[in-house]
Amino acid sequence: MPPSFEIQDDSLGKSAPLKRAVRRGAGALLVVQIASQVVSLVAVALLMRLLAPDDFGLLGMVLPVVMLLRIVTTLGLNIATIQRHELSPAEVSSLFWLHVGLAVLTALGIVALAPWLGTFYRDAELAIPLRNVAWALAGIPLVTALGAQHQALLERNLHLPRLGIIRIVAQLTSALVAVIVAWAYRGGVWALVVQQYVELGLLTVLAWWAVRWWPGRFQLAPEFFTLIRFGLLFAASSFVLFIAENGDRVLVGRLEDAHTVGLYRQAHNLMMKPVYLVTTPLAALLVASLARATGAAATRAELAVAYYRLTGIALLPASVGLALVSGDVMHVFGGNQWDQAAPLLCAGIIGYRSLVRSE
């Protein structure tokens, strides 16, 4: 059985215990994140060989719509849970129910917009497949919302290694199921849709098991509006980031066909693997630790500087190496049908490095 869970751990607000927790978490997270990326790379390689670029293209044309609506309607409520220095069980319960309610609205929005995707991408032949995939993915926001607050509570108390293990289990299981659907049932794009549901569903179930916290009733307390205001600000920044990260893929979908979108999407995904390997655990650790270091300006500055230093040191050699072997990478992972994506991978790495240097 998992240990009992506390919403508030006051000891982590002090400088020395916080730094010790960060150091412990960083080491464990590195191991967990490496394991996660190994699982992800194996799954990507298998699915790229079992599925056509068109299958990845269909999913890549629908996912931006799903992700955009999630940003607009979920308001960053899980981040509000992580960053708030003092948080009551009643506030977490209210955030949970608001998150679930907004997720239902998101699902309805996806269902309503799905028939118009063919028109948006100016491809009448893909109108029905795009609509069907969008309808199939409409439940994703609700599945995510049901476990978002529980995962946020794990991050809030710096139980990141435990959360990392949960994510690896969900990732490994979903990859296995997707490969079975793609290989045994020739599932095509539906193998990728099933993968989404299995991974997010397991994340939710295992997070509930790890936290052992049940939400109470919704209460509209005055402090609740402070959390919503923070969530709105975070959602606005997430929207800007979403446009920066997904605008090019949406544009490719409007100008080209699903095959090209699939090549572009997988080249981008492989390009971002080293980035996610480094930044995902560090960012989670940084957000949680900065929130707990409220009032300790020196500690917060040290944590931020350490984050950016580690990110730069780790990503520079990774990006150079990946650019040099981009052609071999695409062929090894996907075979001959993905060779056309090699120039896209190389160009993407060069452009990303230029952007990072300019920032």
Protein backbone atom coordinates (compact mmCIF):
# COMPACT_ATOMS: atom_id res chain seq x y z
CA MET A 1 0.00 0.00 0.00
CA PRO A 2 1.24 3.52 -0.69
CA PRO A 3 2.12 5.72 2.27
CA SER A 4 -0.39 8.17 3.65
CA PHE A 5 -0.35 11.52 1.89
CA GLU A 6 -0.14 15.06 3.21
CA ILE A 7 -1.34 17.99 1.14
CA GLN A 8 1.02 20.31 3.04
CA ASP A 9 4.56 19.50 4.14
CA ASP A 10 5.80 22.57 5.99
CA SER A 11 9.33 21.23 6.46
CA LEU A 12 9.97 21.66 2.76
CA GLY A 13 9.48 25.40 3.03
CA LYS A 14 12.78 25.72 4.92
CA SER A 15 15.99 26.25 2.96
CA ALA A 16 18.10 23.31 4.15
CA PRO A 17 15.41 20.58 3.97
CA LEU A 18 14.29 21.97 0.61
CA LYS A 19 17.79 21.77 -0.87
CA ARG A 20 18.21 18.21 0.42
CA ALA A 21 14.85 17.23 -1.09
CA VAL A 22 15.84 18.81 -4.40
CA ARG A 23 19.16 16.94 -4.49
CA ARG A 24 17.49 13.63 -3.67
CA GLY A 25 14.78 14.24 -6.22
CA ALA A 26 17.21 15.26 -8.96
CA GLY A 27 19.21 12.03 -8.74
CA ALA A 28 16.15 9.80 -8.70
CA LEU A 29 14.49 11.78 -11.48
CA LEU A 30 17.52 11.39 -13.74
CA VAL A 31 17.30 7.60 -13.51
CA VAL A 32 13.55 7.61 -14.00
CA GLN A 33 13.72 9.99 -16.95
CA ILE A 34 16.40 7.97 -18.74
CA ALA A 35 14.29 4.85 -18.34
CA SER A 36 11.25 6.75 -19.62
CA GLN A 37 13.08 7.95 -22.73
CA VAL A 38 14.41 4.46 -23.48
CA VAL A 39 10.86 3.11 -23.35
CA SER A 40 9.66 5.98 -25.51
CA LEU A 41 12.37 5.49 -28.15
CA VAL A 42 11.73 1.75 -28.41
CA ALA A 43 7.99 2.37 -28.75
CA VAL A 44 8.53 5.05 -31.40
CA ALA A 45 10.83 2.79 -33.42
CA LEU A 46 8.36 -0.11 -33.35
CA LEU A 47 5.36 2.03 -34.23
CA MET A 48 7.20 3.85 -37.02
CA ARG A 49 7.92 0.49 -38.63
CA LEU A 50 4.40 -0.84 -38.12
CA LEU A 51 2.50 2.27 -39.15
CA ALA A 52 2.64 4.58 -42.17
CA PRO A 53 3.51 8.29 -42.02
CA ASP A 54 -0.13 8.99 -42.94
CA ASP A 55 -1.26 7.45 -39.64
CA PHE A 56 1.00 9.73 -37.64
CA GLY A 57 -0.10 12.60 -39.88
CA LEU A 58 -3.78 12.10 -39.08
CA LEU A 59 -3.09 12.13 -35.37
CA GLY A 60 -0.79 15.11 -35.79
CA MET A 61 -3.53 17.10 -37.52
CA VAL A 62 -6.06 16.43 -34.75
CA LEU A 63 -3.93 16.67 -31.60
CA PRO A 64 -3.29 20.43 -31.87
CA VAL A 65 -7.04 21.05 -31.69
CA VAL A 66 -7.36 18.81 -28.62
CA MET A 67 -4.36 20.41 -26.91
CA LEU A 68 -5.49 23.96 -27.66
CA LEU A 69 -8.95 23.44 -26.20
CA ARG A 70 -7.42 21.80 -23.12
CA ILE A 71 -5.27 24.88 -22.52
CA VAL A 72 -8.18 27.27 -22.94
CA THR A 73 -10.60 25.40 -20.70
CA THR A 74 -8.44 23.88 -17.93
CA LEU A 75 -6.83 27.17 -16.83
CA GLY A 76 -3.62 25.61 -15.50
CA LEU A 77 -5.41 24.52 -12.33
CA ASN A 78 -2.92 21.73 -11.61
CA ILE A 79 -0.05 24.26 -11.67
CA ALA A 80 -2.01 26.44 -9.25
CA THR A 81 -2.05 23.48 -6.87
CA ILE A 82 1.72 23.05 -7.14
CA GLN A 83 2.75 26.67 -6.72
CA ARG A 84 0.44 27.74 -3.86
CA HIS A 85 2.50 27.86 -0.65
CA GLU A 86 -0.49 27.18 1.60
CA LEU A 87 -3.34 25.05 0.33
CA SER A 88 -6.30 23.50 2.13
CA PRO A 89 -8.01 20.20 1.25
CA ALA A 90 -11.18 22.17 0.46
CA GLU A 91 -9.33 24.26 -2.12
CA VAL A 92 -7.84 21.19 -3.77
CA SER A 93 -11.30 19.59 -3.92
CA SER A 94 -12.77 22.68 -5.53
CA LEU A 95 -9.95 22.77 -8.09
CA PHE A 96 -10.55 19.10 -8.86
CA TRP A 97 -14.26 19.55 -9.59
CA LEU A 98 -13.70 22.73 -11.59
CA HIS A 99 -11.05 20.92 -13.63
CA VAL A 100 -13.42 18.03 -14.34
CA GLY A 101 -16.25 20.37 -15.31
CA LEU A 102 -14.04 22.30 -17.70
CA ALA A 103 -12.81 19.02 -19.19
CA VAL A 104 -16.40 18.07 -20.03
CA LEU A 105 -16.80 21.40 -21.82
CA THR A 106 -13.55 20.74 -23.68
CA ALA A 107 -14.81 17.35 -24.83
CA LEU A 108 -18.02 18.90 -26.12
CA GLY A 109 -16.00 21.56 -27.93
CA ILE A 110 -13.89 18.89 -29.67
CA VAL A 111 -17.02 17.03 -30.74
CA ALA A 112 -18.50 20.23 -32.16
CA LEU A 113 -15.35 21.24 -34.06
CA ALA A 114 -14.51 17.78 -35.42
CA PRO A 115 -16.71 17.96 -38.57
CA TRP A 116 -14.95 21.19 -39.62
CA LEU A 117 -11.38 19.88 -39.54
CA GLY A 118 -11.48 18.81 -43.19
CA THR A 119 -12.49 22.34 -44.16
CA PHE A 120 -9.81 23.87 -41.98
CA TYR A 121 -7.08 21.71 -43.51
CA ARG A 122 -8.56 22.18 -47.00
CA ASP A 123 -8.69 18.44 -47.68
CA ALA A 124 -12.14 17.05 -48.43
CA GLU A 125 -10.86 13.47 -48.64
CA LEU A 126 -9.59 13.61 -45.06
CA ALA A 127 -12.72 15.24 -43.63
CA ILE A 128 -14.30 12.00 -42.37
CA PRO A 129 -11.08 10.37 -41.06
CA LEU A 130 -10.17 13.60 -39.25
CA ARG A 131 -13.65 13.88 -37.78
CA ASN A 132 -13.61 10.27 -36.56
CA VAL A 133 -10.19 10.58 -34.95
CA ALA A 134 -11.21 13.85 -33.27
CA TRP A 135 -14.39 12.29 -31.91
CA ALA A 136 -12.35 9.34 -30.63
CA LEU A 137 -9.98 11.69 -28.81
CA ALA A 138 -12.74 13.83 -27.30
CA GLY A 139 -12.61 11.91 -24.02
CA ILE A 140 -8.89 12.58 -23.49
CA PRO A 141 -9.40 15.89 -21.59
CA LEU A 142 -11.74 14.22 -19.09
CA VAL A 143 -9.38 11.28 -18.50
CA THR A 144 -6.55 13.76 -17.94
CA ALA A 145 -8.56 16.00 -15.61
CA LEU A 146 -9.54 13.12 -13.35
CA GLY A 147 -5.90 12.57 -12.41
CA ALA A 148 -4.41 16.04 -12.81
CA GLN A 149 -4.85 17.19 -9.21
CA HIS A 150 -3.49 13.93 -7.81
CA GLN A 151 -0.37 14.22 -9.94
CA ALA A 152 -0.07 17.87 -8.91
CA LEU A 153 -0.19 16.87 -5.24
CA LEU A 154 2.66 14.43 -5.80
CA GLU A 155 4.71 17.18 -7.46
CA ARG A 156 3.78 19.69 -4.77
CA ASN A 157 5.35 17.56 -2.06
CA LEU A 158 8.36 16.69 -4.28
CA HIS A 159 7.37 13.03 -4.56
CA LEU A 160 8.67 13.19 -8.12
CA PRO A 161 10.47 9.82 -8.24
CA ARG A 162 7.21 8.11 -7.27
CA LEU A 163 5.37 10.05 -9.97
CA GLY A 164 8.12 9.20 -12.46
CA ILE A 165 7.70 5.48 -11.81
CA ILE A 166 3.96 5.82 -12.32
CA ARG A 167 4.58 7.54 -15.65
CA ILE A 168 7.00 4.84 -16.80
CA VAL A 169 4.50 2.10 -15.99
CA ALA A 170 1.77 3.94 -17.89
CA GLN A 171 4.10 4.68 -20.80
CA LEU A 172 5.39 1.12 -21.08
CA THR A 173 1.91 -0.41 -20.88
CA SER A 174 0.43 1.98 -23.43
CA ALA A 175 3.33 1.40 -25.84
CA LEU A 176 2.89 -2.36 -25.57
CA VAL A 177 -0.85 -2.11 -26.21
CA ALA A 178 -0.30 0.22 -29.18
CA VAL A 179 2.24 -2.14 -30.75
CA ILE A 180 -0.15 -5.09 -30.32
CA VAL A 181 -3.01 -3.15 -31.93
CA ALA A 182 -0.77 -1.99 -34.80
CA TRP A 183 0.81 -5.39 -35.44
CA ALA A 184 -1.88 -7.95 -34.64
CA TYR A 185 -4.95 -5.98 -35.69
CA ARG A 186 -3.46 -3.64 -38.34
CA GLY A 187 -4.99 -0.82 -36.35
CA GLY A 188 -3.35 2.08 -38.17
CA VAL A 189 -4.04 5.43 -36.56
CA TRP A 190 -6.32 3.76 -34.01
CA ALA A 191 -3.26 2.15 -32.40
CA LEU A 192 -2.06 5.68 -31.63
CA VAL A 193 -5.47 6.68 -30.29
CA VAL A 194 -5.55 3.63 -28.00
CA GLN A 195 -2.05 4.48 -26.82
CA GLN A 196 -3.25 7.92 -25.70
CA TYR A 197 -6.12 6.50 -23.64
CA VAL A 198 -4.15 3.67 -22.04
CA GLU A 199 -1.30 5.94 -20.95
CA LEU A 200 -3.47 8.76 -19.57
CA GLY A 201 -5.95 6.33 -18.00
CA LEU A 202 -3.21 4.45 -16.16
CA LEU A 203 -1.64 7.73 -15.03
CA THR A 204 -4.94 8.71 -13.48
CA VAL A 205 -5.61 5.36 -11.79
CA LEU A 206 -2.08 4.99 -10.40
CA ALA A 207 -1.98 8.61 -9.21
CA TRP A 208 -5.19 8.04 -7.24
CA TRP A 209 -3.66 4.89 -5.75
CA ALA A 210 -0.43 6.67 -4.80
CA VAL A 211 -2.07 9.72 -3.24
CA ARG A 212 -5.09 8.09 -1.58
CA TRP A 213 -6.90 11.43 -1.54
CA TRP A 214 -10.61 11.67 -2.35
CA PRO A 215 -12.04 15.06 -3.33
CA GLY A 216 -14.71 16.58 -1.17
CA ARG A 217 -17.53 18.82 -2.29
CA PHE A 218 -17.06 21.98 -4.33
CA GLN A 219 -16.75 25.15 -2.22
CA LEU A 220 -16.51 28.63 -3.68
CA ALA A 221 -14.31 30.27 -1.02
CA PRO A 222 -12.79 33.77 -1.50
CA GLU A 223 -9.25 32.32 -1.69
CA PHE A 224 -10.38 30.14 -4.58
CA PHE A 225 -10.47 33.12 -6.93
CA THR A 226 -6.76 33.74 -6.30
CA LEU A 227 -6.03 30.25 -7.58
CA ILE A 228 -8.21 30.80 -10.63
CA ARG A 229 -6.46 34.10 -11.37
CA PHE A 230 -3.08 32.39 -11.26
CA GLY A 231 -4.44 29.61 -13.47
CA LEU A 232 -5.64 32.16 -16.02
CA LEU A 233 -2.19 33.72 -16.20
CA PHE A 234 -0.58 30.32 -16.62
CA ALA A 235 -3.12 29.38 -19.31
CA ALA A 236 -2.30 32.59 -21.20
CA SER A 237 1.42 31.79 -21.16
CA SER A 238 0.68 28.18 -22.17
CA PHE A 239 -1.37 29.44 -25.10
CA VAL A 240 1.56 31.52 -26.37
CA LEU A 241 3.90 28.55 -25.96
CA PHE A 242 1.40 26.31 -27.75
CA ILE A 243 1.30 28.62 -30.77
CA ALA A 244 5.10 28.71 -30.87
CA GLU A 245 5.41 24.90 -30.67
CA ASN A 246 2.44 23.83 -32.81
CA GLY A 247 1.84 26.66 -35.26
CA ASP A 248 4.30 25.25 -37.77
CA ARG A 249 2.71 21.79 -37.66
CA VAL A 250 -0.76 23.21 -38.20
CA LEU A 251 0.56 25.26 -41.12
CA VAL A 252 2.16 22.16 -42.67
CA GLY A 253 -1.21 20.42 -42.38
CA ARG A 254 -2.94 23.24 -44.26
CA LEU A 255 -0.32 23.32 -47.02
CA GLU A 256 0.49 19.63 -47.41
CA ASP A 257 -1.12 16.20 -46.99
CA ALA A 258 -1.23 13.79 -44.04
CA HIS A 259 1.86 11.94 -45.30
CA THR A 260 3.99 15.08 -45.09
CA VAL A 261 2.52 15.97 -41.68
CA GLY A 262 3.51 12.51 -40.44
CA LEU A 263 7.09 12.91 -41.65
CA TYR A 264 7.32 16.38 -40.13
CA ARG A 265 5.73 15.36 -36.83
CA GLN A 266 8.00 12.38 -36.22
CA ALA A 267 11.12 14.33 -37.19
CA HIS A 268 10.08 16.98 -34.66
CA ASN A 269 9.34 14.35 -32.00
CA LEU A 270 12.77 12.75 -32.37
CA MET A 271 14.41 16.18 -32.34
CA MET A 272 12.73 16.95 -29.00
CA LYS A 273 13.68 13.68 -27.29
CA PRO A 274 16.95 15.03 -25.83
CA VAL A 275 15.15 18.23 -24.83
CA TYR A 276 12.44 16.35 -22.94
CA LEU A 277 15.02 14.02 -21.40
CA VAL A 278 16.68 17.00 -19.73
CA THR A 279 13.97 19.60 -19.21
CA THR A 280 10.98 17.47 -18.13
CA PRO A 281 12.38 16.31 -14.77
CA LEU A 282 14.27 19.54 -14.13
CA ALA A 283 11.25 21.73 -14.86
CA ALA A 284 9.00 19.67 -12.59
CA LEU A 285 11.59 19.85 -9.84
CA LEU A 286 12.11 23.59 -10.38
CA VAL A 287 8.41 24.53 -10.26
CA ALA A 288 7.76 22.54 -7.09
CA SER A 289 10.91 23.70 -5.31
CA LEU A 290 10.48 27.38 -6.22
CA ALA A 291 6.94 27.27 -4.86
CA ARG A 292 8.18 25.84 -1.57
CA ALA A 293 11.00 28.42 -1.35
CA THR A 294 8.59 31.35 -1.13
CA GLY A 295 10.22 34.11 0.91
CA ALA A 296 13.74 32.73 0.39
CA ALA A 297 14.97 34.85 -2.50
CA ALA A 298 18.55 33.56 -2.40
CA THR A 299 17.44 29.93 -2.51
CA ARG A 300 15.08 30.63 -5.41
CA ALA A 301 17.87 32.35 -7.37
CA GLU A 302 20.25 29.44 -6.79
CA LEU A 303 17.67 26.93 -7.99
CA ALA A 304 16.86 28.91 -11.15
CA VAL A 305 20.53 29.40 -12.09
CA ALA A 306 21.26 25.71 -11.53
CA TYR A 307 18.33 24.76 -13.77
CA TYR A 308 19.47 26.88 -16.72
CA ARG A 309 23.10 25.86 -16.32
CA LEU A 310 22.30 22.14 -16.34
CA THR A 311 19.94 22.55 -19.30
CA GLY A 312 22.53 24.31 -21.43
CA ILE A 313 25.37 21.94 -20.56
CA ALA A 314 23.31 18.86 -21.37
CA LEU A 315 21.57 20.00 -24.56
CA LEU A 316 24.44 21.50 -26.54
CA PRO A 317 26.34 18.24 -27.20
CA ALA A 318 23.08 16.32 -27.67
CA SER A 319 21.85 18.68 -30.39
CA VAL A 320 25.19 18.69 -32.26
CA GLY A 321 25.42 14.90 -32.22
CA LEU A 322 21.83 14.39 -33.34
CA ALA A 323 22.23 16.86 -36.22
CA LEU A 324 25.30 15.01 -37.48
CA VAL A 325 23.56 11.62 -37.59
CA SER A 326 20.03 12.78 -38.45
CA GLY A 327 19.84 10.72 -41.64
CA ASP A 328 20.91 7.53 -39.91
CA VAL A 329 18.55 8.19 -37.00
CA MET A 330 15.43 8.36 -39.17
CA HIS A 331 16.43 5.25 -41.14
CA VAL A 332 17.25 3.21 -38.05
CA PHE A 333 14.01 4.14 -36.35
CA GLY A 334 11.57 3.85 -39.22
CA GLY A 335 13.22 2.27 -42.24
CA ASN A 336 13.10 3.44 -45.85
CA GLN A 337 9.66 5.04 -45.63
CA TRP A 338 11.02 7.64 -43.20
CA ASP A 339 14.23 8.61 -45.04
CA GLN A 340 12.53 11.73 -46.42
CA ALA A 341 12.22 13.07 -42.87
CA ALA A 342 16.00 13.19 -42.30
CA PRO A 343 16.49 16.71 -43.76
CA LEU A 344 13.55 17.91 -41.65
CA LEU A 345 15.20 16.53 -38.50
CA CYS A 346 18.55 18.20 -39.28
CA ALA A 347 16.94 21.54 -40.19
CA GLY A 348 14.80 21.47 -37.06
CA ILE A 349 17.81 20.94 -34.79
CA ILE A 350 19.74 23.80 -36.40
CA GLY A 351 16.73 26.11 -36.07
CA TYR A 352 16.11 25.10 -32.45
CA ARG A 353 19.73 25.74 -31.51
CA SER A 354 19.60 29.18 -33.13
CA LEU A 355 16.43 30.01 -31.19
CA VAL A 356 17.97 28.90 -27.89
CA ARG A 357 21.09 30.98 -28.49
CA SER A 358 18.99 34.06 -29.31
CA GLU A 359 17.07 33.69 -26.04
